[in-house]
Amino acid sequence: MRRSITIVTLVLAVAAAIGLYQMSNEVRRLERELSRHNDVLLREQAAIQVLRAEWAYLNRPEVLQRLSQKFLPLEALASQQVIASLSDLPDRGVLDPGPGMKRPMRRPASLVAGYRR
């Protein structure tokens, strides 16, 4: 009886040691994975900080003005381009047909009804 209790205790101790070893290895693996994820997170946060600084630089008024003058050939409005009243606008009751359409589309009544001259 005493011998069987000793053997059972020994088997349980070996099983507990093996389980503890496997759990320890799993914890080390998960800690390495967590460390890698933290490194990636720190790199991404640094990249976001750089992008925010670049965005702030590019949104400065003098930079925007210089870029708009370079890439947007805008001119001052001529007096003929200014619309004084709604009656100066063309009638938009019939829409211009697209390239593949045979008949003009009518504007929905709900949109035409809200327009007054």
Protein backbone atom coordinates (compact mmCIF):
# COMPACT_ATOMS: atom_id res chain seq x y z
CA MET A 1 0.00 0.00 0.00
CA ARG A 2 2.76 2.39 0.94
CA ARG A 3 4.62 1.57 -2.25
CA SER A 4 1.59 2.29 -4.47
CA ILE A 5 1.03 5.66 -2.75
CA THR A 6 4.70 6.54 -3.36
CA ILE A 7 4.46 5.57 -7.04
CA VAL A 8 1.23 7.55 -7.53
CA THR A 9 2.78 10.56 -5.78
CA LEU A 10 5.92 10.27 -7.91
CA VAL A 11 3.85 10.06 -11.15
CA LEU A 12 1.80 13.09 -10.09
CA ALA A 13 4.96 15.05 -9.27
CA VAL A 14 6.49 14.21 -12.68
CA ALA A 15 3.23 15.14 -14.44
CA ALA A 16 3.10 18.44 -12.53
CA ALA A 17 6.76 19.17 -13.42
CA ILE A 18 6.12 18.46 -17.12
CA GLY A 19 2.99 20.64 -17.10
CA LEU A 20 4.85 23.45 -15.33
CA TYR A 21 7.72 23.24 -17.87
CA GLN A 22 5.33 23.39 -20.82
CA MET A 23 3.45 26.30 -19.28
CA SER A 24 6.72 28.13 -18.63
CA ASN A 25 7.76 27.68 -22.27
CA GLU A 26 4.36 28.90 -23.46
CA VAL A 27 4.61 32.00 -21.23
CA ARG A 28 8.10 32.78 -22.62
CA ARG A 29 6.82 32.40 -26.19
CA LEU A 30 3.87 34.70 -25.48
CA GLU A 31 6.15 37.28 -23.83
CA ARG A 32 8.39 37.31 -26.93
CA GLU A 33 5.31 37.73 -29.13
CA LEU A 34 4.06 40.56 -26.92
CA SER A 35 7.46 42.23 -27.12
CA ARG A 36 7.38 42.03 -30.92
CA HIS A 37 3.88 43.53 -30.98
CA ASN A 38 4.98 46.33 -28.66
CA ASP A 39 7.94 47.08 -30.94
CA VAL A 40 5.62 47.26 -33.95
CA LEU A 41 3.25 49.50 -31.99
CA LEU A 42 6.08 51.89 -31.05
CA ARG A 43 7.24 52.08 -34.68
CA GLU A 44 3.69 52.79 -35.86
CA GLN A 45 3.23 55.49 -33.20
CA ALA A 46 6.48 57.13 -34.31
CA ALA A 47 5.31 57.00 -37.94
CA ILE A 48 1.98 58.55 -36.97
CA GLN A 49 3.81 61.32 -35.13
CA VAL A 50 5.92 62.03 -38.23
CA LEU A 51 2.80 62.07 -40.44
CA ARG A 52 1.04 64.48 -38.07
CA ALA A 53 4.05 66.81 -38.14
CA GLU A 54 4.13 66.63 -41.94
CA TRP A 55 0.39 67.30 -42.11
CA ALA A 56 0.78 70.33 -39.85
CA TYR A 57 3.61 71.63 -42.03
CA LEU A 58 1.70 71.13 -45.28
CA ASN A 59 -1.42 72.82 -43.89
CA ARG A 60 0.33 76.08 -43.07
CA PRO A 61 -1.31 78.96 -45.00
CA GLU A 62 1.88 80.03 -46.80
CA VAL A 63 2.56 76.47 -47.99
CA LEU A 64 -1.04 76.04 -49.15
CA GLN A 65 -0.93 79.35 -51.00
CA ARG A 66 2.34 78.45 -52.73
CA LEU A 67 1.03 75.00 -53.75
CA SER A 68 -2.29 76.43 -54.98
CA GLN A 69 -0.49 79.01 -57.11
CA LYS A 70 1.72 76.29 -58.54
CA PHE A 71 -0.92 73.64 -59.27
CA LEU A 72 -4.23 75.54 -59.53
CA PRO A 73 -4.18 78.12 -62.30
CA LEU A 74 -6.96 80.25 -60.80
CA GLU A 75 -7.67 83.80 -61.87
CA ALA A 76 -9.70 86.57 -60.31
CA LEU A 77 -13.41 86.62 -61.16
CA ALA A 78 -14.50 88.76 -64.07
CA SER A 79 -17.60 90.89 -63.63
CA GLN A 80 -19.45 88.74 -66.23
CA GLN A 81 -18.97 85.67 -64.05
CA VAL A 82 -20.82 87.05 -61.03
CA ILE A 83 -24.51 86.09 -60.80
CA ALA A 84 -26.62 88.82 -59.25
CA SER A 85 -29.91 86.90 -58.83
CA LEU A 86 -31.46 83.49 -59.34
CA SER A 87 -33.22 84.66 -62.48
CA ASP A 88 -29.80 84.91 -64.15
CA LEU A 89 -29.36 81.14 -63.80
CA PRO A 90 -30.41 78.89 -66.72
CA ASP A 91 -33.54 76.75 -66.40
CA ARG A 92 -32.63 73.33 -64.98
CA GLY A 93 -36.01 71.62 -65.53
CA VAL A 94 -34.65 69.32 -68.27
CA LEU A 95 -31.31 67.69 -67.71
CA ASP A 96 -28.80 67.38 -70.52
CA PRO A 97 -28.86 63.76 -71.81
CA GLY A 98 -25.69 61.75 -71.36
CA PRO A 99 -23.75 60.30 -74.31
CA GLY A 100 -25.68 57.00 -74.34
CA MET A 101 -29.17 58.41 -73.66
CA LYS A 102 -31.81 58.86 -76.40
CA ARG A 103 -34.25 61.18 -74.63
CA PRO A 104 -33.71 63.88 -72.03
CA MET A 105 -34.40 63.06 -68.41
CA ARG A 106 -36.98 65.12 -66.54
CA ARG A 107 -36.07 66.43 -63.16
CA PRO A 108 -38.14 64.85 -60.36
CA ALA A 109 -41.15 66.96 -59.42
CA SER A 110 -39.96 67.18 -55.83
CA LEU A 111 -36.85 69.04 -56.95
CA VAL A 112 -38.61 71.28 -59.48
CA ALA A 113 -41.43 72.18 -57.03
CA GLY A 114 -38.97 73.63 -54.49
CA TYR A 115 -37.48 75.99 -57.11
CA ARG A 116 -39.20 79.36 -57.48
CA ARG A 117 -38.28 82.21 -59.78
